[in-house]
PDB file of N, CA and C in Angstrom:
ATOM      1  N   MET A   1     -40.993  10.370  16.321  1.00  0.00           N
ATOM      2  CA  MET A   1     -40.661   9.071  16.856  1.00  0.00           C
ATOM      3  C   MET A   1     -39.700   8.320  15.941  1.00  0.00           C
ATOM      4  N   ILE A   2     -39.882   8.458  14.646  1.00  0.00           N
ATOM      5  CA  ILE A   2     -38.987   7.773  13.714  1.00  0.00           C
ATOM      6  C   ILE A   2     -37.566   8.315  13.866  1.00  0.00           C
ATOM      7  N   ARG A   3     -37.445   9.571  14.270  1.00  0.00           N
ATOM      8  CA  ARG A   3     -36.116  10.154  14.484  1.00  0.00           C
ATOM      9  C   ARG A   3     -35.384   9.480  15.642  1.00  0.00           C
ATOM     10  N   GLN A   4     -36.119   9.167  16.709  1.00  0.00           N
ATOM     11  CA  GLN A   4     -35.493   8.505  17.854  1.00  0.00           C
ATOM     12  C   GLN A   4     -35.016   7.110  17.473  1.00  0.00           C
ATOM     13  N   VAL A   5     -35.813   6.399  16.691  1.00  0.00           N
ATOM     14  CA  VAL A   5     -35.420   5.067  16.222  1.00  0.00           C
ATOM     15  C   VAL A   5     -34.207   5.199  15.305  1.00  0.00           C
ATOM     16  N   ALA A   6     -34.248   6.158  14.397  1.00  0.00           N
ATOM     17  CA  ALA A   6     -33.125   6.375  13.474  1.00  0.00           C
ATOM     18  C   ALA A   6     -31.847   6.702  14.242  1.00  0.00           C
ATOM     19  N   ALA A   7     -31.966   7.474  15.310  1.00  0.00           N
ATOM     20  CA  ALA A   7     -30.790   7.818  16.107  1.00  0.00           C
ATOM     21  C   ALA A   7     -30.149   6.571  16.706  1.00  0.00           C
ATOM     22  N   VAL A   8     -30.964   5.649  17.191  1.00  0.00           N
ATOM     23  CA  VAL A   8     -30.432   4.399  17.741  1.00  0.00           C
ATOM     24  C   VAL A   8     -29.765   3.585  16.646  1.00  0.00           C
ATOM     25  N   LEU A   9     -30.417   3.468  15.500  1.00  0.00           N
ATOM     26  CA  LEU A   9     -29.911   2.633  14.419  1.00  0.00           C
ATOM     27  C   LEU A   9     -28.687   3.237  13.721  1.00  0.00           C
ATOM     28  N   SER A  10     -28.497   4.526  13.856  1.00  0.00           N
ATOM     29  CA  SER A  10     -27.319   5.145  13.224  1.00  0.00           C
ATOM     30  C   SER A  10     -26.125   5.197  14.174  1.00  0.00           C
ATOM     31  N   ASN A  11     -26.312   4.758  15.394  1.00  0.00           N
ATOM     32  CA  ASN A  11     -25.241   4.767  16.392  1.00  0.00           C
ATOM     33  C   ASN A  11     -24.424   3.480  16.273  1.00  0.00           C
ATOM     34  N   VAL A  12     -23.687   3.371  15.163  1.00  0.00           N
ATOM     35  CA  VAL A  12     -22.867   2.194  14.880  1.00  0.00           C
ATOM     36  C   VAL A  12     -21.421   2.654  14.651  1.00  0.00           C
ATOM     37  N   ARG A  13     -20.561   1.737  14.260  1.00  0.00           N
ATOM     38  CA  ARG A  13     -19.156   2.089  14.042  1.00  0.00           C
ATOM     39  C   ARG A  13     -19.007   3.093  12.901  1.00  0.00           C
ATOM     40  N   ALA A  14     -17.912   3.817  12.922  1.00  0.00           N
ATOM     41  CA  ALA A  14     -17.649   4.823  11.880  1.00  0.00           C
ATOM     42  C   ALA A  14     -17.578   4.196  10.490  1.00  0.00           C
ATOM     43  N   SER A  15     -17.162   2.933  10.401  1.00  0.00           N
ATOM     44  CA  SER A  15     -17.027   2.270   9.094  1.00  0.00           C
ATOM     45  C   SER A  15     -18.355   1.754   8.548  1.00  0.00           C
ATOM     46  N   ASP A  16     -19.399   1.758   9.371  1.00  0.00           N
ATOM     47  CA  ASP A  16     -20.704   1.238   8.966  1.00  0.00           C
ATOM     48  C   ASP A  16     -21.549   2.331   8.317  1.00  0.00           C
ATOM     49  N   ILE A  17     -22.525   1.902   7.536  1.00  0.00           N
ATOM     50  CA  ILE A  17     -23.407   2.840   6.848  1.00  0.00           C
ATOM     51  C   ILE A  17     -24.839   2.519   7.231  1.00  0.00           C
ATOM     52  N   SER A  18     -25.511   3.501   7.792  1.00  0.00           N
ATOM     53  CA  SER A  18     -26.895   3.336   8.215  1.00  0.00           C
ATOM     54  C   SER A  18     -27.770   4.261   7.374  1.00  0.00           C
ATOM     55  N   ALA A  19     -28.913   3.736   6.891  1.00  0.00           N
ATOM     56  CA  ALA A  19     -29.784   4.557   6.057  1.00  0.00           C
ATOM     57  C   ALA A  19     -31.239   4.144   6.231  1.00  0.00           C
ATOM     58  N   ARG A  20     -32.118   5.108   6.127  1.00  0.00           N
ATOM     59  CA  ARG A  20     -33.551   4.823   6.123  1.00  0.00           C
ATOM     60  C   ARG A  20     -33.956   4.553   4.686  1.00  0.00           C
ATOM     61  N   LEU A  21     -34.572   3.380   4.467  1.00  0.00           N
ATOM     62  CA  LEU A  21     -34.985   3.018   3.116  1.00  0.00           C
ATOM     63  C   LEU A  21     -36.332   3.618   2.770  1.00  0.00           C
ATOM     64  N   GLY A  22     -37.139   3.873   3.779  1.00  0.00           N
ATOM     65  CA  GLY A  22     -38.467   4.422   3.585  1.00  0.00           C
ATOM     66  C   GLY A  22     -39.401   3.866   4.630  1.00  0.00           C
ATOM     67  N   GLY A  23     -40.414   4.640   4.979  1.00  0.00           N
ATOM     68  CA  GLY A  23     -41.356   4.172   5.989  1.00  0.00           C
ATOM     69  C   GLY A  23     -40.630   3.833   7.270  1.00  0.00           C
ATOM     70  N   ASP A  24     -40.810   2.593   7.716  1.00  0.00           N
ATOM     71  CA  ASP A  24     -40.147   2.153   8.948  1.00  0.00           C
ATOM     72  C   ASP A  24     -39.042   1.139   8.655  1.00  0.00           C
ATOM     73  N   GLU A  25     -38.495   1.179   7.442  1.00  0.00           N
ATOM     74  CA  GLU A  25     -37.427   0.243   7.075  1.00  0.00           C
ATOM     75  C   GLU A  25     -36.087   0.959   6.985  1.00  0.00           C
ATOM     76  N   PHE A  26     -35.092   0.321   7.610  1.00  0.00           N
ATOM     77  CA  PHE A  26     -33.733   0.837   7.629  1.00  0.00           C
ATOM     78  C   PHE A  26     -32.795  -0.260   7.153  1.00  0.00           C
ATOM     79  N   ALA A  27     -31.614   0.149   6.714  1.00  0.00           N
ATOM     80  CA  ALA A  27     -30.557  -0.802   6.358  1.00  0.00           C
ATOM     81  C   ALA A  27     -29.271  -0.332   7.018  1.00  0.00           C
ATOM     82  N   ILE A  28     -28.503  -1.298   7.485  1.00  0.00           N
ATOM     83  CA  ILE A  28     -27.184  -0.988   8.024  1.00  0.00           C
ATOM     84  C   ILE A  28     -26.194  -1.904   7.312  1.00  0.00           C
ATOM     85  N   LEU A  29     -25.236  -1.304   6.624  1.00  0.00           N
ATOM     86  CA  LEU A  29     -24.193  -2.061   5.946  1.00  0.00           C
ATOM     87  C   LEU A  29     -22.988  -2.134   6.867  1.00  0.00           C
ATOM     88  N   LEU A  30     -22.518  -3.353   7.108  1.00  0.00           N
ATOM     89  CA  LEU A  30     -21.400  -3.585   8.021  1.00  0.00           C
ATOM     90  C   LEU A  30     -20.243  -4.193   7.243  1.00  0.00           C
ATOM     91  N   PRO A  31     -19.415  -3.348   6.597  1.00  0.00           N
ATOM     92  CA  PRO A  31     -18.307  -3.879   5.798  1.00  0.00           C
ATOM     93  C   PRO A  31     -17.362  -4.741   6.632  1.00  0.00           C
ATOM     94  N   HIS A  32     -16.895  -5.810   6.019  1.00  0.00           N
ATOM     95  CA  HIS A  32     -15.906  -6.694   6.647  1.00  0.00           C
ATOM     96  C   HIS A  32     -16.392  -7.268   7.975  1.00  0.00           C
ATOM     97  N   THR A  33     -17.695  -7.568   8.052  1.00  0.00           N
ATOM     98  CA  THR A  33     -18.265  -8.110   9.284  1.00  0.00           C
ATOM     99  C   THR A  33     -19.018  -9.389   8.958  1.00  0.00           C
ATOM    100  N   ALA A  34     -18.631 -10.483   9.584  1.00  0.00           N
ATOM    101  CA  ALA A  34     -19.306 -11.762   9.382  1.00  0.00           C
ATOM    102  C   ALA A  34     -20.698 -11.712  10.010  1.00  0.00           C
ATOM    103  N   SER A  35     -21.581 -12.583   9.527  1.00  0.00           N
ATOM    104  CA  SER A  35     -22.958 -12.561  10.018  1.00  0.00           C
ATOM    105  C   SER A  35     -23.049 -12.815  11.520  1.00  0.00           C
ATOM    106  N   GLN A  36     -22.118 -13.592  12.077  1.00  0.00           N
ATOM    107  CA  GLN A  36     -22.147 -13.856  13.520  1.00  0.00           C
ATOM    108  C   GLN A  36     -21.966 -12.554  14.318  1.00  0.00           C
ATOM    109  N   LYS A  37     -21.014 -11.719  13.905  1.00  0.00           N
ATOM    110  CA  LYS A  37     -20.812 -10.438  14.592  1.00  0.00           C
ATOM    111  C   LYS A  37     -21.948  -9.470  14.285  1.00  0.00           C
ATOM    112  N   SER A  38     -22.511  -9.572  13.082  1.00  0.00           N
ATOM    113  CA  SER A  38     -23.656  -8.741  12.732  1.00  0.00           C
ATOM    114  C   SER A  38     -24.841  -9.072  13.626  1.00  0.00           C
ATOM    115  N   GLU A  39     -25.008 -10.336  13.923  1.00  0.00           N
ATOM    116  CA  GLU A  39     -26.113 -10.757  14.786  1.00  0.00           C
ATOM    117  C   GLU A  39     -25.931 -10.223  16.211  1.00  0.00           C
ATOM    118  N   ILE A  40     -24.702 -10.161  16.679  1.00  0.00           N
ATOM    119  CA  ILE A  40     -24.433  -9.591  18.008  1.00  0.00           C
ATOM    120  C   ILE A  40     -24.854  -8.120  18.040  1.00  0.00           C
ATOM    121  N   LEU A  41     -24.457  -7.365  17.008  1.00  0.00           N
ATOM    122  CA  LEU A  41     -24.859  -5.963  16.922  1.00  0.00           C
ATOM    123  C   LEU A  41     -26.377  -5.852  16.811  1.00  0.00           C
ATOM    124  N   ALA A  42     -26.990  -6.701  15.999  1.00  0.00           N
ATOM    125  CA  ALA A  42     -28.442  -6.663  15.827  1.00  0.00           C
ATOM    126  C   ALA A  42     -29.153  -6.881  17.161  1.00  0.00           C
ATOM    127  N   ASN A  43     -28.664  -7.811  17.956  1.00  0.00           N
ATOM    128  CA  ASN A  43     -29.274  -8.049  19.273  1.00  0.00           C
ATOM    129  C   ASN A  43     -29.143  -6.830  20.177  1.00  0.00           C
ATOM    130  N   ARG A  44     -27.997  -6.156  20.125  1.00  0.00           N
ATOM    131  CA  ARG A  44     -27.822  -4.939  20.930  1.00  0.00           C
ATOM    132  C   ARG A  44     -28.791  -3.846  20.493  1.00  0.00           C
ATOM    133  N   LEU A  45     -28.917  -3.660  19.185  1.00  0.00           N
ATOM    134  CA  LEU A  45     -29.840  -2.642  18.672  1.00  0.00           C
ATOM    135  C   LEU A  45     -31.275  -2.986  19.027  1.00  0.00           C
ATOM    136  N   LYS A  46     -31.640  -4.253  18.879  1.00  0.00           N
ATOM    137  CA  LYS A  46     -32.999  -4.697  19.204  1.00  0.00           C
ATOM    138  C   LYS A  46     -33.319  -4.421  20.675  1.00  0.00           C
ATOM    139  N   GLU A  47     -32.360  -4.696  21.542  1.00  0.00           N
ATOM    140  CA  GLU A  47     -32.554  -4.458  22.970  1.00  0.00           C
ATOM    141  C   GLU A  47     -32.721  -2.963  23.271  1.00  0.00           C
ATOM    142  N   ARG A  48     -31.913  -2.140  22.603  1.00  0.00           N
ATOM    143  CA  ARG A  48     -32.041  -0.688  22.816  1.00  0.00           C
ATOM    144  C   ARG A  48     -33.400  -0.170  22.350  1.00  0.00           C
ATOM    145  N   ILE A  49     -33.870  -0.682  21.219  1.00  0.00           N
ATOM    146  CA  ILE A  49     -35.179  -0.260  20.706  1.00  0.00           C
ATOM    147  C   ILE A  49     -36.290  -0.726  21.645  1.00  0.00           C
ATOM    148  N   GLU A  50     -36.201  -1.962  22.120  1.00  0.00           N
ATOM    149  CA  GLU A  50     -37.213  -2.493  23.056  1.00  0.00           C
ATOM    150  C   GLU A  50     -37.282  -1.665  24.329  1.00  0.00           C
ATOM    151  N   ASN A  51     -36.154  -1.106  24.747  1.00  0.00           N
ATOM    152  CA  ASN A  51     -36.111  -0.333  25.986  1.00  0.00           C
ATOM    153  C   ASN A  51     -36.476   1.134  25.800  1.00  0.00           C
ATOM    154  N   MET A  52     -36.748   1.537  24.565  1.00  0.00           N
ATOM    155  CA  MET A  52     -37.190   2.915  24.316  1.00  0.00           C
ATOM    156  C   MET A  52     -38.646   3.048  24.715  1.00  0.00           C
ATOM    157  N   HIS A  53     -38.957   4.094  25.425  1.00  0.00           N
ATOM    158  CA  HIS A  53     -40.335   4.374  25.809  1.00  0.00           C
ATOM    159  C   HIS A  53     -40.578   5.859  25.543  1.00  0.00           C
ATOM    160  N   LEU A  54     -41.446   6.132  24.612  1.00  0.00           N
ATOM    161  CA  LEU A  54     -41.771   7.503  24.277  1.00  0.00           C
ATOM    162  C   LEU A  54     -43.225   7.777  24.610  1.00  0.00           C
ATOM    163  N   LYS A  55     -43.496   9.008  24.989  1.00  0.00           N
ATOM    164  CA  LYS A  55     -44.874   9.402  25.257  1.00  0.00           C
ATOM    165  C   LYS A  55     -45.357  10.306  24.146  1.00  0.00           C
ATOM    166  N   PHE A  56     -46.574  10.052  23.703  1.00  0.00           N
ATOM    167  CA  PHE A  56     -47.221  10.885  22.702  1.00  0.00           C
ATOM    168  C   PHE A  56     -48.654  11.097  23.154  1.00  0.00           C
ATOM    169  N   ARG A  57     -48.984  12.340  23.484  1.00  0.00           N
ATOM    170  CA  ARG A  57     -50.333  12.667  23.975  1.00  0.00           C
ATOM    171  C   ARG A  57     -50.747  11.742  25.117  1.00  0.00           C
ATOM    172  N   GLU A  58     -49.886  11.635  26.094  1.00  0.00           N
ATOM    173  CA  GLU A  58     -50.135  10.841  27.311  1.00  0.00           C
ATOM    174  C   GLU A  58     -50.205   9.331  27.082  1.00  0.00           C
ATOM    175  N   VAL A  59     -49.862   8.890  25.886  1.00  0.00           N
ATOM    176  CA  VAL A  59     -49.831   7.453  25.593  1.00  0.00           C
ATOM    177  C   VAL A  59     -48.374   7.026  25.501  1.00  0.00           C
ATOM    178  N   GLU A  60     -48.005   5.994  26.266  1.00  0.00           N
ATOM    179  CA  GLU A  60     -46.643   5.487  26.195  1.00  0.00           C
ATOM    180  C   GLU A  60     -46.529   4.524  25.016  1.00  0.00           C
ATOM    181  N   ILE A  61     -45.508   4.736  24.197  1.00  0.00           N
ATOM    182  CA  ILE A  61     -45.316   3.949  22.988  1.00  0.00           C
ATOM    183  C   ILE A  61     -44.069   3.088  23.152  1.00  0.00           C
ATOM    184  N   HIS A  62     -44.211   1.811  22.831  1.00  0.00           N
ATOM    185  CA  HIS A  62     -43.103   0.868  22.884  1.00  0.00           C
ATOM    186  C   HIS A  62     -42.795   0.419  21.456  1.00  0.00           C
ATOM    187  N   PHE A  63     -41.551   0.069  21.206  1.00  0.00           N
ATOM    188  CA  PHE A  63     -41.119  -0.305  19.871  1.00  0.00           C
ATOM    189  C   PHE A  63     -40.553  -1.718  19.861  1.00  0.00           C
ATOM    190  N   THR A  64     -40.626  -2.340  18.693  1.00  0.00           N
ATOM    191  CA  THR A  64     -39.968  -3.625  18.468  1.00  0.00           C
ATOM    192  C   THR A  64     -39.149  -3.504  17.186  1.00  0.00           C
ATOM    193  N   LEU A  65     -38.289  -4.488  16.968  1.00  0.00           N
ATOM    194  CA  LEU A  65     -37.398  -4.427  15.820  1.00  0.00           C
ATOM    195  C   LEU A  65     -37.272  -5.811  15.203  1.00  0.00           C
ATOM    196  N   SER A  66     -37.608  -5.929  13.936  1.00  0.00           N
ATOM    197  CA  SER A  66     -37.396  -7.166  13.184  1.00  0.00           C
ATOM    198  C   SER A  66     -36.211  -6.929  12.256  1.00  0.00           C
ATOM    199  N   ILE A  67     -35.291  -7.913  12.216  1.00  0.00           N
ATOM    200  CA  ILE A  67     -34.050  -7.720  11.468  1.00  0.00           C
ATOM    201  C   ILE A  67     -33.766  -8.918  10.574  1.00  0.00           C
ATOM    202  N   GLY A  68     -33.375  -8.646   9.335  1.00  0.00           N
ATOM    203  CA  GLY A  68     -32.915  -9.677   8.411  1.00  0.00           C
ATOM    204  C   GLY A  68     -31.449  -9.446   8.104  1.00  0.00           C
ATOM    205  N   ILE A  69     -30.643 -10.499   8.244  1.00  0.00           N
ATOM    206  CA  ILE A  69     -29.197 -10.384   8.042  1.00  0.00           C
ATOM    207  C   ILE A  69     -28.745 -11.329   6.935  1.00  0.00           C
ATOM    208  N   THR A  70     -27.882 -10.823   6.072  1.00  0.00           N
ATOM    209  CA  THR A  70     -27.247 -11.635   5.044  1.00  0.00           C
ATOM    210  C   THR A  70     -25.827 -11.116   4.842  1.00  0.00           C
ATOM    211  N   GLU A  71     -24.990 -11.940   4.246  1.00  0.00           N
ATOM    212  CA  GLU A  71     -23.622 -11.534   3.922  1.00  0.00           C
ATOM    213  C   GLU A  71     -23.477 -11.402   2.413  1.00  0.00           C
ATOM    214  N   ILE A  72     -22.511 -10.606   1.999  1.00  0.00           N
ATOM    215  CA  ILE A  72     -22.171 -10.542   0.580  1.00  0.00           C
ATOM    216  C   ILE A  72     -21.656 -11.919   0.174  1.00  0.00           C
ATOM    217  N   GLN A  73     -22.107 -12.367  -0.998  1.00  0.00           N
ATOM    218  CA  GLN A  73     -21.694 -13.675  -1.488  1.00  0.00           C
ATOM    219  C   GLN A  73     -21.004 -13.525  -2.837  1.00  0.00           C
ATOM    220  N   GLU A  74     -20.201 -14.507  -3.193  1.00  0.00           N
ATOM    221  CA  GLU A  74     -19.399 -14.428  -4.418  1.00  0.00           C
ATOM    222  C   GLU A  74     -20.235 -14.164  -5.666  1.00  0.00           C
ATOM    223  N   HIS A  75     -21.440 -14.721  -5.723  1.00  0.00           N
ATOM    224  CA  HIS A  75     -22.256 -14.583  -6.928  1.00  0.00           C
ATOM    225  C   HIS A  75     -23.040 -13.262  -6.979  1.00  0.00           C
ATOM    226  N   ASP A  76     -22.954 -12.419  -5.944  1.00  0.00           N
ATOM    227  CA  ASP A  76     -23.651 -11.135  -5.957  1.00  0.00           C
ATOM    228  C   ASP A  76     -23.050 -10.222  -7.017  1.00  0.00           C
ATOM    229  N   LYS A  77     -23.922  -9.653  -7.824  1.00  0.00           N
ATOM    230  CA  LYS A  77     -23.466  -8.745  -8.869  1.00  0.00           C
ATOM    231  C   LYS A  77     -23.835  -7.294  -8.559  1.00  0.00           C
ATOM    232  N   THR A  78     -24.925  -7.102  -7.821  1.00  0.00           N
ATOM    233  CA  THR A  78     -25.379  -5.748  -7.495  1.00  0.00           C
ATOM    234  C   THR A  78     -25.814  -5.686  -6.031  1.00  0.00           C
ATOM    235  N   ILE A  79     -25.980  -4.479  -5.561  1.00  0.00           N
ATOM    236  CA  ILE A  79     -26.475  -4.281  -4.196  1.00  0.00           C
ATOM    237  C   ILE A  79     -27.896  -4.841  -4.061  1.00  0.00           C
ATOM    238  N   ASP A  80     -28.645  -4.846  -5.174  1.00  0.00           N
ATOM    239  CA  ASP A  80     -30.004  -5.393  -5.139  1.00  0.00           C
ATOM    240  C   ASP A  80     -30.003  -6.882  -4.798  1.00  0.00           C
ATOM    241  N   ASP A  81     -28.973  -7.617  -5.221  1.00  0.00           N
ATOM    242  CA  ASP A  81     -28.869  -9.036  -4.869  1.00  0.00           C
ATOM    243  C   ASP A  81     -28.805  -9.194  -3.352  1.00  0.00           C
ATOM    244  N   ILE A  82     -28.023  -8.352  -2.717  1.00  0.00           N
ATOM    245  CA  ILE A  82     -27.854  -8.413  -1.262  1.00  0.00           C
ATOM    246  C   ILE A  82     -29.141  -7.971  -0.560  1.00  0.00           C
ATOM    247  N   PHE A  83     -29.716  -6.853  -0.994  1.00  0.00           N
ATOM    248  CA  PHE A  83     -30.939  -6.353  -0.372  1.00  0.00           C
ATOM    249  C   PHE A  83     -32.096  -7.328  -0.541  1.00  0.00           C
ATOM    250  N   SER A  84     -32.155  -8.036  -1.658  1.00  0.00           N
ATOM    251  CA  SER A  84     -33.219  -9.026  -1.862  1.00  0.00           C
ATOM    252  C   SER A  84     -33.140 -10.135  -0.815  1.00  0.00           C
ATOM    253  N   ARG A  85     -31.932 -10.621  -0.544  1.00  0.00           N
ATOM    254  CA  ARG A  85     -31.774 -11.661   0.481  1.00  0.00           C
ATOM    255  C   ARG A  85     -32.093 -11.113   1.868  1.00  0.00           C
ATOM    256  N   ALA A  86     -31.643  -9.891   2.135  1.00  0.00           N
ATOM    257  CA  ALA A  86     -31.943  -9.279   3.433  1.00  0.00           C
ATOM    258  C   ALA A  86     -33.451  -9.123   3.612  1.00  0.00           C
ATOM    259  N   GLN A  87     -34.146  -8.789   2.543  1.00  0.00           N
ATOM    260  CA  GLN A  87     -35.609  -8.647   2.590  1.00  0.00           C
ATOM    261  C   GLN A  87     -36.273  -9.990   2.888  1.00  0.00           C
ATOM    262  N   VAL A  88     -35.769 -11.065   2.296  1.00  0.00           N
ATOM    263  CA  VAL A  88     -36.295 -12.414   2.573  1.00  0.00           C
ATOM    264  C   VAL A  88     -36.124 -12.734   4.061  1.00  0.00           C
ATOM    265  N   ALA A  89     -34.950 -12.429   4.606  1.00  0.00           N
ATOM    266  CA  ALA A  89     -34.687 -12.676   6.022  1.00  0.00           C
ATOM    267  C   ALA A  89     -35.593 -11.812   6.897  1.00  0.00           C
ATOM    268  N   LEU A  90     -35.794 -10.562   6.516  1.00  0.00           N
ATOM    269  CA  LEU A  90     -36.663  -9.660   7.269  1.00  0.00           C
ATOM    270  C   LEU A  90     -38.104 -10.163   7.275  1.00  0.00           C
ATOM    271  N   LEU A  91     -38.592 -10.567   6.120  1.00  0.00           N
ATOM    272  CA  LEU A  91     -39.965 -11.087   6.050  1.00  0.00           C
ATOM    273  C   LEU A  91     -40.115 -12.337   6.903  1.00  0.00           C
ATOM    274  N   SER A  92     -39.096 -13.173   6.945  1.00  0.00           N
ATOM    275  CA  SER A  92     -39.122 -14.357   7.789  1.00  0.00           C
ATOM    276  C   SER A  92     -39.205 -13.958   9.263  1.00  0.00           C
ATOM    277  N   ALA A  93     -38.445 -12.927   9.655  1.00  0.00           N
ATOM    278  CA  ALA A  93     -38.488 -12.442  11.041  1.00  0.00           C
ATOM    279  C   ALA A  93     -39.884 -11.936  11.392  1.00  0.00           C
ATOM    280  N   LYS A  94     -40.509 -11.222  10.475  1.00  0.00           N
ATOM    281  CA  LYS A  94     -41.862 -10.704  10.711  1.00  0.00           C
ATOM    282  C   LYS A  94     -42.884 -11.832  10.782  1.00  0.00           C
ATOM    283  N   GLU A  95     -42.733 -12.840   9.910  1.00  0.00           N
ATOM    284  CA  GLU A  95     -43.656 -13.980   9.909  1.00  0.00           C
ATOM    285  C   GLU A  95     -43.565 -14.785  11.195  1.00  0.00           C
ATOM    286  N   LYS A  96     -42.423 -14.735  11.856  1.00  0.00           N
ATOM    287  CA  LYS A  96     -42.235 -15.460  13.116  1.00  0.00           C
ATOM    288  C   LYS A  96     -42.792 -14.677  14.299  1.00  0.00           C
ATOM    289  N   GLY A  97     -43.519 -13.624  14.021  1.00  0.00           N
ATOM    290  CA  GLY A  97     -44.159 -12.852  15.067  1.00  0.00           C
ATOM    291  C   GLY A  97     -43.528 -11.492  15.316  1.00  0.00           C
ATOM    292  N   GLY A  98     -42.514 -11.157  14.566  1.00  0.00           N
ATOM    293  CA  GLY A  98     -41.868  -9.862  14.729  1.00  0.00           C
ATOM    294  C   GLY A  98     -40.960  -9.824  15.940  1.00  0.00           C
ATOM    295  N   ASN A  99     -40.207  -8.732  16.030  1.00  0.00           N
ATOM    296  CA  ASN A  99     -39.233  -8.543  17.104  1.00  0.00           C
ATOM    297  C   ASN A  99     -38.244  -9.713  17.150  1.00  0.00           C
ATOM    298  N   LYS A 100     -37.851 -10.175  15.961  1.00  0.00           N
ATOM    299  CA  LYS A 100     -36.936 -11.318  15.807  1.00  0.00           C
ATOM    300  C   LYS A 100     -35.783 -10.910  14.897  1.00  0.00           C
ATOM    301  N   ILE A 101     -34.750 -11.733  14.932  1.00  0.00           N
ATOM    302  CA  ILE A 101     -33.603 -11.578  14.033  1.00  0.00           C
ATOM    303  C   ILE A 101     -33.454 -12.884  13.259  1.00  0.00           C
ATOM    304  N   VAL A 102     -33.374 -12.785  11.948  1.00  0.00           N
ATOM    305  CA  VAL A 102     -33.183 -13.962  11.102  1.00  0.00           C
ATOM    306  C   VAL A 102     -31.923 -13.757  10.277  1.00  0.00           C
ATOM    307  N   VAL A 103     -31.027 -14.725  10.338  1.00  0.00           N
ATOM    308  CA  VAL A 103     -29.779 -14.684   9.573  1.00  0.00           C
ATOM    309  C   VAL A 103     -29.873 -15.740   8.475  1.00  0.00           C
ATOM    310  N   LEU A 104     -29.726 -15.299   7.216  1.00  0.00           N
ATOM    311  CA  LEU A 104     -29.702 -16.265   6.126  1.00  0.00           C
ATOM    312  C   LEU A 104     -28.313 -16.880   6.042  1.00  0.00           C
ATOM    313  N   PRO A 105     -28.241 -18.191   5.972  1.00  0.00           N
ATOM    314  CA  PRO A 105     -26.914 -18.823   5.877  1.00  0.00           C
ATOM    315  C   PRO A 105     -26.249 -18.511   4.544  1.00  0.00           C
ATOM    316  N   LYS A 106     -24.944 -18.463   4.584  1.00  0.00           N
ATOM    317  CA  LYS A 106     -24.172 -18.216   3.362  1.00  0.00           C
ATOM    318  C   LYS A 106     -24.228 -19.466   2.486  1.00  0.00           C
ATOM    319  N   ARG A 107     -24.417 -19.272   1.195  1.00  0.00           N
ATOM    320  CA  ARG A 107     -24.476 -20.413   0.267  1.00  0.00           C
ATOM    321  C   ARG A 107     -23.211 -20.532  -0.514  1.00  0.00           C
TER     322      ARG A 107
END
């Protein structure tokens, strides 16, 4: 099942980088993409995941997707700076009940 989700999440532009971080967490890097356009893509991916229906031992399984979005900022020194903000946004999406998208504003 994780493979089907990964297939959806890796179906992005050739310039983008999609990776599984572990467990059920993925990251998609969208170079030269403002958060507004990232949110449009996130909504499309979320909709595709919501519409996935898989059967496992006669049980139909439905999926949801929580997404945290941030942009590279001038003060970022490492990729960890960016991932930390994305994680904050992701946790906020989950706290709001999941299956949400949260965009952190640029500072």
